Amino acid sequence: MRDEYGRINNRAQIIRSLDKLRLAHFLTLIVENPEEYPKNTMEWLDWLNAESGDNIDKL
């Protein structure tokens, strides 16, 4: 996802900007698909620093 200046945000930036409904949706995706998300702290740090992509379902 891009910011107002056209820069691609990382996943952490996008997650911080989610409203409560979208955050709840994202957390549900993690719970329902744990195999698609990191397993430990270091993996999460790498995952959060990666580019966000174009869709919350593909975070």
PDB file of N, CA and C in Angstrom:
ATOM      1  N   MET A   1       0.849  -1.164   0.000  1.00  0.00           N
ATOM      2  CA  MET A   1       0.000   0.000   0.000  1.00  0.00           C
ATOM      3  C   MET A   1       0.900   1.234   0.000  1.00  0.00           C
ATOM      4  N   ARG A   2       0.448   2.238  -0.668  1.00  0.00           N
ATOM      5  CA  ARG A   2       1.260   3.447  -0.802  1.00  0.00           C
ATOM      6  C   ARG A   2       0.722   4.573   0.077  1.00  0.00           C
ATOM      7  N   ASP A   3       1.625   5.440   0.496  1.00  0.00           N
ATOM      8  CA  ASP A   3       1.211   6.610   1.265  1.00  0.00           C
ATOM      9  C   ASP A   3       0.778   7.717   0.305  1.00  0.00           C
ATOM     10  N   GLU A   4       0.448   8.876   0.854  1.00  0.00           N
ATOM     11  CA  GLU A   4      -0.059   9.981   0.032  1.00  0.00           C
ATOM     12  C   GLU A   4       0.982  10.528  -0.942  1.00  0.00           C
ATOM     13  N   TYR A   5       2.258  10.156  -0.750  1.00  0.00           N
ATOM     14  CA  TYR A   5       3.325  10.617  -1.639  1.00  0.00           C
ATOM     15  C   TYR A   5       3.751   9.548  -2.645  1.00  0.00           C
ATOM     16  N   GLY A   6       3.053   8.414  -2.636  1.00  0.00           N
ATOM     17  CA  GLY A   6       3.355   7.345  -3.577  1.00  0.00           C
ATOM     18  C   GLY A   6       4.415   6.371  -3.103  1.00  0.00           C
ATOM     19  N   ARG A   7       4.908   6.534  -1.880  1.00  0.00           N
ATOM     20  CA  ARG A   7       5.917   5.614  -1.351  1.00  0.00           C
ATOM     21  C   ARG A   7       5.236   4.350  -0.835  1.00  0.00           C
ATOM     22  N   ILE A   8       5.892   3.227  -1.028  1.00  0.00           N
ATOM     23  CA  ILE A   8       5.350   1.965  -0.528  1.00  0.00           C
ATOM     24  C   ILE A   8       5.676   1.850   0.955  1.00  0.00           C
ATOM     25  N   ASN A   9       4.651   1.622   1.769  1.00  0.00           N
ATOM     26  CA  ASN A   9       4.825   1.464   3.209  1.00  0.00           C
ATOM     27  C   ASN A   9       5.231   0.040   3.538  1.00  0.00           C
ATOM     28  N   ASN A  10       5.889  -0.126   4.700  1.00  0.00           N
ATOM     29  CA  ASN A  10       6.150  -1.482   5.155  1.00  0.00           C
ATOM     30  C   ASN A  10       4.922  -1.961   5.937  1.00  0.00           C
ATOM     31  N   ARG A  11       4.922  -3.232   6.278  1.00  0.00           N
ATOM     32  CA  ARG A  11       3.749  -3.819   6.936  1.00  0.00           C
ATOM     33  C   ARG A  11       3.462  -3.178   8.285  1.00  0.00           C
ATOM     34  N   ALA A  12       4.491  -2.838   9.047  1.00  0.00           N
ATOM     35  CA  ALA A  12       4.278  -2.217  10.357  1.00  0.00           C
ATOM     36  C   ALA A  12       3.553  -0.882  10.213  1.00  0.00           C
ATOM     37  N   GLN A  13       3.926  -0.094   9.210  1.00  0.00           N
ATOM     38  CA  GLN A  13       3.275   1.199   8.992  1.00  0.00           C
ATOM     39  C   GLN A  13       1.794   1.008   8.647  1.00  0.00           C
ATOM     40  N   ILE A  14       1.498   0.022   7.835  1.00  0.00           N
ATOM     41  CA  ILE A  14       0.109  -0.225   7.452  1.00  0.00           C
ATOM     42  C   ILE A  14      -0.697  -0.701   8.651  1.00  0.00           C
ATOM     43  N   ILE A  15      -0.154  -1.621   9.426  1.00  0.00           N
ATOM     44  CA  ILE A  15      -0.876  -2.129  10.593  1.00  0.00           C
ATOM     45  C   ILE A  15      -1.180  -0.996  11.568  1.00  0.00           C
ATOM     46  N   ARG A  16      -0.235  -0.079  11.769  1.00  0.00           N
ATOM     47  CA  ARG A  16      -0.461   1.049  12.672  1.00  0.00           C
ATOM     48  C   ARG A  16      -1.607   1.944  12.201  1.00  0.00           C
ATOM     49  N   SER A  17      -1.848   1.972  10.916  1.00  0.00           N
ATOM     50  CA  SER A  17      -2.869   2.872  10.378  1.00  0.00           C
ATOM     51  C   SER A  17      -4.259   2.243  10.277  1.00  0.00           C
ATOM     52  N   LEU A  18      -4.389   0.961  10.607  1.00  0.00           N
ATOM     53  CA  LEU A  18      -5.686   0.289  10.477  1.00  0.00           C
ATOM     54  C   LEU A  18      -6.691   0.779  11.511  1.00  0.00           C
ATOM     55  N   ASP A  19      -7.939   0.882  11.093  1.00  0.00           N
ATOM     56  CA  ASP A  19      -8.992   1.158  12.064  1.00  0.00           C
ATOM     57  C   ASP A  19      -9.320  -0.155  12.785  1.00  0.00           C
ATOM     58  N   LYS A  20     -10.166  -0.107  13.793  1.00  0.00           N
ATOM     59  CA  LYS A  20     -10.454  -1.281  14.615  1.00  0.00           C
ATOM     60  C   LYS A  20     -11.036  -2.435  13.815  1.00  0.00           C
ATOM     61  N   LEU A  21     -11.924  -2.161  12.889  1.00  0.00           N
ATOM     62  CA  LEU A  21     -12.544  -3.222  12.099  1.00  0.00           C
ATOM     63  C   LEU A  21     -11.507  -3.930  11.230  1.00  0.00           C
ATOM     64  N   ARG A  22     -10.666  -3.172  10.545  1.00  0.00           N
ATOM     65  CA  ARG A  22      -9.640  -3.779   9.687  1.00  0.00           C
ATOM     66  C   ARG A  22      -8.582  -4.509  10.517  1.00  0.00           C
ATOM     67  N   LEU A  23      -8.251  -3.985  11.687  1.00  0.00           N
ATOM     68  CA  LEU A  23      -7.310  -4.673  12.564  1.00  0.00           C
ATOM     69  C   LEU A  23      -7.900  -6.007  13.033  1.00  0.00           C
ATOM     70  N   ALA A  24      -9.170  -6.006  13.386  1.00  0.00           N
ATOM     71  CA  ALA A  24      -9.834  -7.248  13.786  1.00  0.00           C
ATOM     72  C   ALA A  24      -9.824  -8.260  12.644  1.00  0.00           C
ATOM     73  N   HIS A  25     -10.075  -7.798  11.423  1.00  0.00           N
ATOM     74  CA  HIS A  25     -10.036  -8.673  10.256  1.00  0.00           C
ATOM     75  C   HIS A  25      -8.635  -9.260  10.076  1.00  0.00           C
ATOM     76  N   PHE A  26      -7.617  -8.426  10.188  1.00  0.00           N
ATOM     77  CA  PHE A  26      -6.238  -8.877  10.045  1.00  0.00           C
ATOM     78  C   PHE A  26      -5.882  -9.907  11.116  1.00  0.00           C
ATOM     79  N   LEU A  27      -6.249  -9.652  12.362  1.00  0.00           N
ATOM     80  CA  LEU A  27      -5.956 -10.602  13.434  1.00  0.00           C
ATOM     81  C   LEU A  27      -6.676 -11.927  13.222  1.00  0.00           C
ATOM     82  N   THR A  28      -7.883 -11.872  12.688  1.00  0.00           N
ATOM     83  CA  THR A  28      -8.612 -13.097  12.357  1.00  0.00           C
ATOM     84  C   THR A  28      -7.871 -13.895  11.289  1.00  0.00           C
ATOM     85  N   LEU A  29      -7.313 -13.213  10.297  1.00  0.00           N
ATOM     86  CA  LEU A  29      -6.532 -13.906   9.265  1.00  0.00           C
ATOM     87  C   LEU A  29      -5.334 -14.635   9.882  1.00  0.00           C
ATOM     88  N   ILE A  30      -4.674 -14.004  10.838  1.00  0.00           N
ATOM     89  CA  ILE A  30      -3.521 -14.634  11.489  1.00  0.00           C
ATOM     90  C   ILE A  30      -3.961 -15.881  12.250  1.00  0.00           C
ATOM     91  N   VAL A  31      -5.055 -15.776  12.981  1.00  0.00           N
ATOM     92  CA  VAL A  31      -5.544 -16.913  13.768  1.00  0.00           C
ATOM     93  C   VAL A  31      -5.985 -18.058  12.861  1.00  0.00           C
ATOM     94  N   GLU A  32      -6.654 -17.735  11.767  1.00  0.00           N
ATOM     95  CA  GLU A  32      -7.175 -18.771  10.871  1.00  0.00           C
ATOM     96  C   GLU A  32      -6.116 -19.372   9.964  1.00  0.00           C
ATOM     97  N   ASN A  33      -4.996 -18.664   9.740  1.00  0.00           N
ATOM     98  CA  ASN A  33      -3.953 -19.127   8.819  1.00  0.00           C
ATOM     99  C   ASN A  33      -2.565 -18.995   9.440  1.00  0.00           C
ATOM    100  N   PRO A  34      -2.313 -19.605  10.589  1.00  0.00           N
ATOM    101  CA  PRO A  34      -1.029 -19.407  11.269  1.00  0.00           C
ATOM    102  C   PRO A  34       0.176 -19.862  10.445  1.00  0.00           C
ATOM    103  N   GLU A  35      -0.031 -20.801   9.551  1.00  0.00           N
ATOM    104  CA  GLU A  35       1.078 -21.301   8.736  1.00  0.00           C
ATOM    105  C   GLU A  35       1.608 -20.254   7.758  1.00  0.00           C
ATOM    106  N   GLU A  36       0.834 -19.217   7.505  1.00  0.00           N
ATOM    107  CA  GLU A  36       1.237 -18.171   6.567  1.00  0.00           C
ATOM    108  C   GLU A  36       1.958 -17.000   7.240  1.00  0.00           C
ATOM    109  N   TYR A  37       2.109 -17.053   8.560  1.00  0.00           N
ATOM    110  CA  TYR A  37       2.702 -15.949   9.298  1.00  0.00           C
ATOM    111  C   TYR A  37       3.917 -16.425  10.090  1.00  0.00           C
ATOM    112  N   PRO A  38       4.777 -15.502  10.498  1.00  0.00           N
ATOM    113  CA  PRO A  38       6.009 -15.864  11.222  1.00  0.00           C
ATOM    114  C   PRO A  38       5.738 -16.630  12.512  1.00  0.00           C
ATOM    115  N   LYS A  39       6.779 -17.350  12.945  1.00  0.00           N
ATOM    116  CA  LYS A  39       6.653 -18.197  14.134  1.00  0.00           C
ATOM    117  C   LYS A  39       7.400 -17.659  15.354  1.00  0.00           C
ATOM    118  N   ASN A  40       8.319 -16.712  15.155  1.00  0.00           N
ATOM    119  CA  ASN A  40       9.094 -16.215  16.289  1.00  0.00           C
ATOM    120  C   ASN A  40       9.377 -14.721  16.118  1.00  0.00           C
ATOM    121  N   THR A  41       9.995 -14.143  17.125  1.00  0.00           N
ATOM    122  CA  THR A  41      10.221 -12.694  17.158  1.00  0.00           C
ATOM    123  C   THR A  41      11.048 -12.204  15.976  1.00  0.00           C
ATOM    124  N   MET A  42      12.138 -12.869  15.677  1.00  0.00           N
ATOM    125  CA  MET A  42      13.002 -12.422  14.577  1.00  0.00           C
ATOM    126  C   MET A  42      12.285 -12.510  13.233  1.00  0.00           C
ATOM    127  N   GLU A  43      11.516 -13.575  13.026  1.00  0.00           N
ATOM    128  CA  GLU A  43      10.738 -13.697  11.789  1.00  0.00           C
ATOM    129  C   GLU A  43       9.697 -12.582  11.706  1.00  0.00           C
ATOM    130  N   TRP A  44       9.069 -12.245  12.853  1.00  0.00           N
ATOM    131  CA  TRP A  44       8.084 -11.160  12.859  1.00  0.00           C
ATOM    132  C   TRP A  44       8.739  -9.822  12.515  1.00  0.00           C
ATOM    133  N   LEU A  45       9.930  -9.572  13.037  1.00  0.00           N
ATOM    134  CA  LEU A  45      10.619  -8.316  12.731  1.00  0.00           C
ATOM    135  C   LEU A  45      10.889  -8.206  11.231  1.00  0.00           C
ATOM    136  N   ASP A  46      11.369  -9.278  10.632  1.00  0.00           N
ATOM    137  CA  ASP A  46      11.604  -9.281   9.184  1.00  0.00           C
ATOM    138  C   ASP A  46      10.301  -9.082   8.429  1.00  0.00           C
ATOM    139  N   TRP A  47       9.252  -9.765   8.864  1.00  0.00           N
ATOM    140  CA  TRP A  47       7.948  -9.687   8.204  1.00  0.00           C
ATOM    141  C   TRP A  47       7.390  -8.266   8.281  1.00  0.00           C
ATOM    142  N   LEU A  48       7.485  -7.644   9.440  1.00  0.00           N
ATOM    143  CA  LEU A  48       6.964  -6.285   9.620  1.00  0.00           C
ATOM    144  C   LEU A  48       7.728  -5.245   8.808  1.00  0.00           C
ATOM    145  N   ASN A  49       9.004  -5.481   8.564  1.00  0.00           N
ATOM    146  CA  ASN A  49       9.817  -4.544   7.796  1.00  0.00           C
ATOM    147  C   ASN A  49       9.658  -4.701   6.288  1.00  0.00           C
ATOM    148  N   ALA A  50       9.011  -5.774   5.842  1.00  0.00           N
ATOM    149  CA  ALA A  50       8.824  -6.008   4.406  1.00  0.00           C
ATOM    150  C   ALA A  50       7.774  -5.053   3.843  1.00  0.00           C
ATOM    151  N   GLU A  51       7.822  -4.837   2.535  1.00  0.00           N
ATOM    152  CA  GLU A  51       6.823  -3.985   1.875  1.00  0.00           C
ATOM    153  C   GLU A  51       5.429  -4.570   2.062  1.00  0.00           C
ATOM    154  N   SER A  52       4.450  -3.690   2.139  1.00  0.00           N
ATOM    155  CA  SER A  52       3.096  -4.087   2.507  1.00  0.00           C
ATOM    156  C   SER A  52       2.286  -4.747   1.403  1.00  0.00           C
ATOM    157  N   GLY A  53       2.618  -4.521   0.162  1.00  0.00           N
ATOM    158  CA  GLY A  53       1.795  -5.060  -0.907  1.00  0.00           C
ATOM    159  C   GLY A  53       0.606  -4.154  -1.176  1.00  0.00           C
ATOM    160  N   ASP A  54      -0.394  -4.671  -1.863  1.00  0.00           N
ATOM    161  CA  ASP A  54      -1.531  -3.852  -2.304  1.00  0.00           C
ATOM    162  C   ASP A  54      -2.830  -4.105  -1.564  1.00  0.00           C
ATOM    163  N   ASN A  55      -2.872  -5.107  -0.677  1.00  0.00           N
ATOM    164  CA  ASN A  55      -4.137  -5.518  -0.097  1.00  0.00           C
ATOM    165  C   ASN A  55      -3.903  -6.041   1.305  1.00  0.00           C
ATOM    166  N   ILE A  56      -4.788  -5.714   2.228  1.00  0.00           N
ATOM    167  CA  ILE A  56      -4.641  -6.190   3.607  1.00  0.00           C
ATOM    168  C   ILE A  56      -4.686  -7.720   3.678  1.00  0.00           C
ATOM    169  N   ASP A  57      -5.439  -8.354   2.791  1.00  0.00           N
ATOM    170  CA  ASP A  57      -5.502  -9.814   2.787  1.00  0.00           C
ATOM    171  C   ASP A  57      -4.181 -10.446   2.374  1.00  0.00           C
ATOM    172  N   LYS A  58      -3.292  -9.646   1.806  1.00  0.00           N
ATOM    173  CA  LYS A  58      -2.002 -10.170   1.364  1.00  0.00           C
ATOM    174  C   LYS A  58      -0.850  -9.651   2.218  1.00  0.00           C
ATOM    175  N   LEU A  59      -1.189  -9.041   3.361  1.00  0.00           N
ATOM    176  CA  LEU A  59      -0.124  -8.591   4.263  1.00  0.00           C
ATOM    177  C   LEU A  59       0.656  -9.809   4.658  1.00  0.00           C
TER     178      LEU A  59
END
